[in-house]
Protein backbone atom coordinates (compact mmCIF):
# COMPACT_ATOMS: atom_id res chain seq x y z
CA UNK A 1 191.45 160.70 15.31
CA UNK A 2 193.50 158.41 13.07
CA UNK A 3 195.52 157.20 16.06
CA UNK A 4 192.36 156.32 18.00
CA UNK A 5 190.93 154.48 15.00
CA UNK A 6 194.05 152.36 14.80
CA UNK A 7 193.94 151.63 18.53
CA UNK A 8 190.41 150.20 18.52
CA UNK A 9 191.25 146.95 16.67
CA UNK A 10 194.37 146.48 18.77
CA UNK A 11 192.39 146.80 22.00
CA UNK A 12 189.72 144.47 20.64
CA UNK A 13 192.18 141.78 19.56
CA UNK A 14 194.13 142.05 22.81
CA UNK A 15 190.95 141.69 24.87
CA UNK A 16 189.85 138.63 22.94
CA UNK A 17 193.26 136.99 23.27
CA UNK A 18 193.40 137.66 27.03
CA UNK A 19 189.92 136.20 27.47
CA UNK A 20 190.68 133.05 25.48
CA UNK A 21 193.96 132.47 27.33
CA UNK A 22 192.24 132.92 30.72
CA UNK A 23 189.44 130.50 29.85
CA UNK A 24 191.86 127.91 28.45
CA UNK A 25 194.02 128.20 31.55
CA UNK A 26 191.06 127.59 33.83
CA UNK A 27 189.67 124.76 31.69
CA UNK A 28 193.07 123.07 31.59
CA UNK A 29 193.32 123.24 35.37
CA UNK A 30 196.35 125.53 35.30
CA UNK A 31 194.49 128.15 37.33
CA UNK A 32 193.11 125.31 39.51
CA UNK A 33 189.79 126.88 40.60
CA UNK A 34 188.23 123.59 41.71
CA UNK A 35 190.11 120.31 41.23
CA UNK A 36 186.99 118.25 40.49
CA UNK A 37 185.22 120.80 38.28
CA UNK A 38 184.75 120.11 34.59
CA UNK A 39 183.86 123.27 32.65
CA UNK A 40 181.66 121.25 30.28
CA UNK A 41 179.45 120.19 33.20
CA UNK A 42 179.05 123.67 34.70
CA UNK A 43 177.19 126.71 33.46
CA UNK A 44 179.11 129.93 33.11
CA UNK A 45 177.53 131.33 36.28
CA UNK A 46 178.34 128.18 38.27
CA UNK A 47 181.90 128.13 37.07
CA UNK A 48 182.31 131.82 37.97
CA UNK A 49 181.00 131.03 41.47
CA UNK A 50 183.49 128.17 41.90
CA UNK A 51 186.46 130.03 40.45
CA UNK A 52 188.58 131.51 43.24
CA UNK A 53 191.43 132.64 40.97
CA UNK A 54 189.60 135.47 39.24
CA UNK A 55 190.41 134.07 35.79
CA UNK A 56 186.75 133.75 34.80
CA UNK A 57 186.04 137.32 35.85
CA UNK A 58 189.13 138.50 33.98
CA UNK A 59 187.94 136.74 30.84
CA UNK A 60 184.49 138.35 31.06
CA UNK A 61 185.94 141.83 31.66
CA UNK A 62 188.37 141.42 28.76
CA UNK A 63 185.53 140.35 26.45
CA UNK A 64 183.45 143.32 27.55
CA UNK A 65 186.28 145.75 26.81
CA UNK A 66 186.86 144.06 23.45
CA UNK A 67 183.18 144.49 22.58
CA UNK A 68 183.34 148.23 23.33
CA UNK A 69 186.48 148.55 21.19
CA UNK A 70 184.91 146.66 18.28
CA UNK A 71 181.75 148.80 18.30
CA UNK A 72 183.78 152.02 18.59
CA UNK A 73 186.04 150.88 15.76
CA UNK A 74 183.10 149.96 13.53
CA UNK A 75 181.56 153.36 14.07
CA UNK A 76 184.88 155.13 13.49
CA UNK A 77 185.32 153.57 10.04
CA UNK A 78 181.66 153.97 9.08
CA UNK A 79 180.86 150.26 8.99
CA UNK A 80 177.26 149.44 7.96
CA UNK A 81 176.16 148.47 11.46
CA UNK A 82 172.65 149.53 12.34
CA UNK A 83 171.79 151.29 15.57
CA UNK A 84 170.03 148.29 17.08
CA UNK A 85 172.84 145.88 16.18
CA UNK A 86 175.40 148.23 17.69
CA UNK A 87 173.38 148.52 20.88
CA UNK A 88 173.06 144.75 21.14
CA UNK A 89 176.85 144.40 20.83
CA UNK A 90 177.30 147.05 23.51
CA UNK A 91 174.74 145.25 25.69
CA UNK A 92 176.88 142.10 25.35
CA UNK A 93 179.90 144.03 26.55
CA UNK A 94 178.06 145.74 29.41
CA UNK A 95 176.51 142.46 30.52
CA UNK A 96 179.87 140.69 30.61
CA UNK A 97 181.47 143.48 32.63
CA UNK A 98 178.54 143.36 35.07
CA UNK A 99 179.00 139.60 35.41
CA UNK A 100 182.72 140.14 35.98
CA UNK A 101 182.08 142.65 38.77
CA UNK A 102 179.08 141.07 40.52
CA UNK A 103 180.10 138.01 42.58
CA UNK A 104 178.38 134.83 41.47
CA UNK A 105 176.75 132.36 43.85
CA UNK A 106 175.88 128.69 43.56
CA UNK A 107 172.26 127.53 43.79
CA UNK A 108 171.32 126.20 47.20
CA UNK A 109 173.84 128.30 49.10
CA UNK A 110 171.29 130.64 50.65
CA UNK A 111 171.67 133.21 47.88
CA UNK A 112 169.40 131.69 45.23
CA UNK A 113 168.20 135.13 44.13
CA UNK A 114 171.76 136.17 43.29
CA UNK A 115 172.50 132.89 41.52
CA UNK A 116 169.31 133.04 39.47
CA UNK A 117 169.83 136.70 38.58
CA UNK A 118 173.39 135.97 37.53
CA UNK A 119 172.29 133.03 35.40
CA UNK A 120 169.53 134.88 33.58
CA UNK A 121 171.75 137.89 32.95
CA UNK A 122 174.28 135.52 31.41
CA UNK A 123 171.55 134.00 29.21
CA UNK A 124 170.44 137.48 28.09
CA UNK A 125 174.06 138.31 27.26
CA UNK A 126 174.39 135.14 25.19
CA UNK A 127 171.23 136.04 23.26
CA UNK A 128 172.45 139.51 22.24
CA UNK A 129 175.18 138.61 19.73
CA UNK A 130 173.22 136.21 17.46
CA UNK A 131 170.51 138.87 17.22
CA UNK A 132 173.10 141.52 16.35
CA UNK A 133 174.68 139.21 13.79
CA UNK A 134 171.33 138.59 12.14
CA UNK A 135 170.80 142.33 11.78
CA UNK A 136 174.30 142.91 10.39
CA UNK A 137 174.96 140.13 7.88
CA UNK A 138 172.82 141.56 5.06
CA UNK A 139 174.33 145.03 5.49
CA UNK A 140 177.85 143.65 5.32
CA UNK A 141 177.03 141.64 2.23
CA UNK A 142 176.10 144.86 0.42
CA UNK A 143 179.27 146.72 1.45
CA UNK A 144 182.42 146.08 -0.58
CA UNK A 145 184.73 146.59 2.39
CA UNK A 146 182.90 144.14 4.63
CA UNK A 147 181.67 141.62 2.06
CA UNK A 148 184.63 139.24 2.67
CA UNK A 149 183.44 138.62 6.24
CA UNK A 150 179.72 138.50 5.50
CA UNK A 151 179.70 134.74 4.94
CA UNK A 152 181.70 133.84 8.09
CA UNK A 153 179.43 136.12 10.09
CA UNK A 154 176.40 134.40 8.57
CA UNK A 155 177.64 130.95 9.60
CA UNK A 156 178.53 132.13 13.10
CA UNK A 157 175.14 133.81 13.44
CA UNK A 158 173.37 130.61 12.38
CA UNK A 159 175.48 128.64 14.86
CA UNK A 160 174.53 131.14 17.55
CA UNK A 161 170.86 130.80 16.66
CA UNK A 162 170.99 127.01 16.97
CA UNK A 163 172.90 127.47 20.21
CA UNK A 164 170.11 129.66 21.57
CA UNK A 165 167.54 127.01 20.65
CA UNK A 166 169.62 124.36 22.41
CA UNK A 167 170.06 126.64 25.44
CA UNK A 168 166.30 127.22 25.61
CA UNK A 169 165.71 123.48 25.57
CA UNK A 170 168.27 122.56 28.23
CA UNK A 171 167.14 125.46 30.44
CA UNK A 172 163.43 124.62 30.37
CA UNK A 173 162.34 121.04 29.45
CA UNK A 174 165.89 119.65 29.48
CA UNK A 175 166.26 120.32 33.21
CA UNK A 176 169.75 121.77 32.78
CA UNK A 177 171.35 118.66 31.27
CA UNK A 178 174.49 119.69 29.32
CA UNK A 179 173.69 123.34 30.00
CA UNK A 180 177.35 124.06 30.60
CA UNK A 181 178.43 122.56 27.28
CA UNK A 182 175.77 124.54 25.42
CA UNK A 183 176.63 127.83 27.13
CA UNK A 184 180.37 127.51 26.60
CA UNK A 185 179.89 126.51 22.95
CA UNK A 186 177.54 129.43 22.35
CA UNK A 187 179.97 131.82 24.01
CA UNK A 188 182.74 130.44 21.80
CA UNK A 189 180.78 131.22 18.63
CA UNK A 190 180.14 134.75 19.86
CA UNK A 191 183.80 135.32 20.67
CA UNK A 192 184.63 134.02 17.18
CA UNK A 193 182.14 136.48 15.68
CA UNK A 194 183.76 139.39 17.48
CA UNK A 195 187.15 138.02 16.45
CA UNK A 196 186.17 138.10 12.77
CA UNK A 197 185.00 141.69 13.14
CA UNK A 198 188.14 142.72 15.03
CA UNK A 199 190.51 141.18 12.48
CA UNK A 200 188.67 142.73 9.53
CA UNK A 201 188.58 146.06 11.33
CA UNK A 202 192.33 145.86 11.90
CA UNK A 203 193.00 145.09 8.25
CA UNK A 204 190.85 147.98 7.03
CA UNK A 205 192.11 150.45 9.59
CA UNK A 206 195.81 149.69 9.26
CA UNK A 207 195.61 149.44 5.47
CA UNK A 208 194.10 152.91 5.34
CA UNK A 209 196.67 154.21 7.77
CA UNK A 210 199.68 152.81 5.89
CA UNK A 211 198.53 153.78 2.40
CA UNK A 212 199.23 157.55 2.78
CA UNK A 213 202.63 156.78 4.35
CA UNK A 214 203.51 154.48 1.45
CA UNK A 215 202.54 157.11 -1.09
CA UNK A 216 204.60 159.72 0.74
CA UNK A 217 207.63 157.41 0.82
CA UNK A 218 207.34 156.88 -2.93
CA UNK A 219 207.17 160.62 -3.48
């Protein structure tokens, strides 16, 4: 059991790093999905449809796996995460894996139903983490082990909430203007939130694991 507890934060951190590297590579043009595409002008679903390298799908799958590892690690160490917050985090992970597996399609290509379904699933995924953060911040603030990350989680949750408001505006009355920028920024705050949880989980888990060994070495 101890070995599995110590693996969860490693899997989570590795998944987050792989996802960030994949997204940066695509955004920088190293993966070269579409020469004229600017990620800030495209929604996540549109960029996934244009990407022929698989880097976007890899990033989504890695984030989904990281989310599962974070939730499993939080439960393993008895973190004060409520049932609903945990389910919302898992829904984020499941949604991203679904988006990674299901092929995306551009609007106006004869598969509008697929493109619209993909887009609204991505929006639902983006809405899950700010809600989970809002349910978790107060609990973490009351727990001595998790109090150091309560404030960063609060700021990231607030940023996610403003991001959702901006996404609602650009999706409905804003006619999609800057939708890509808003979606990528919102996703970045959510990845940062999971990163904070993963790093804190690693510190708590590995500190607990090394303490008995240190005591044994000292006799």
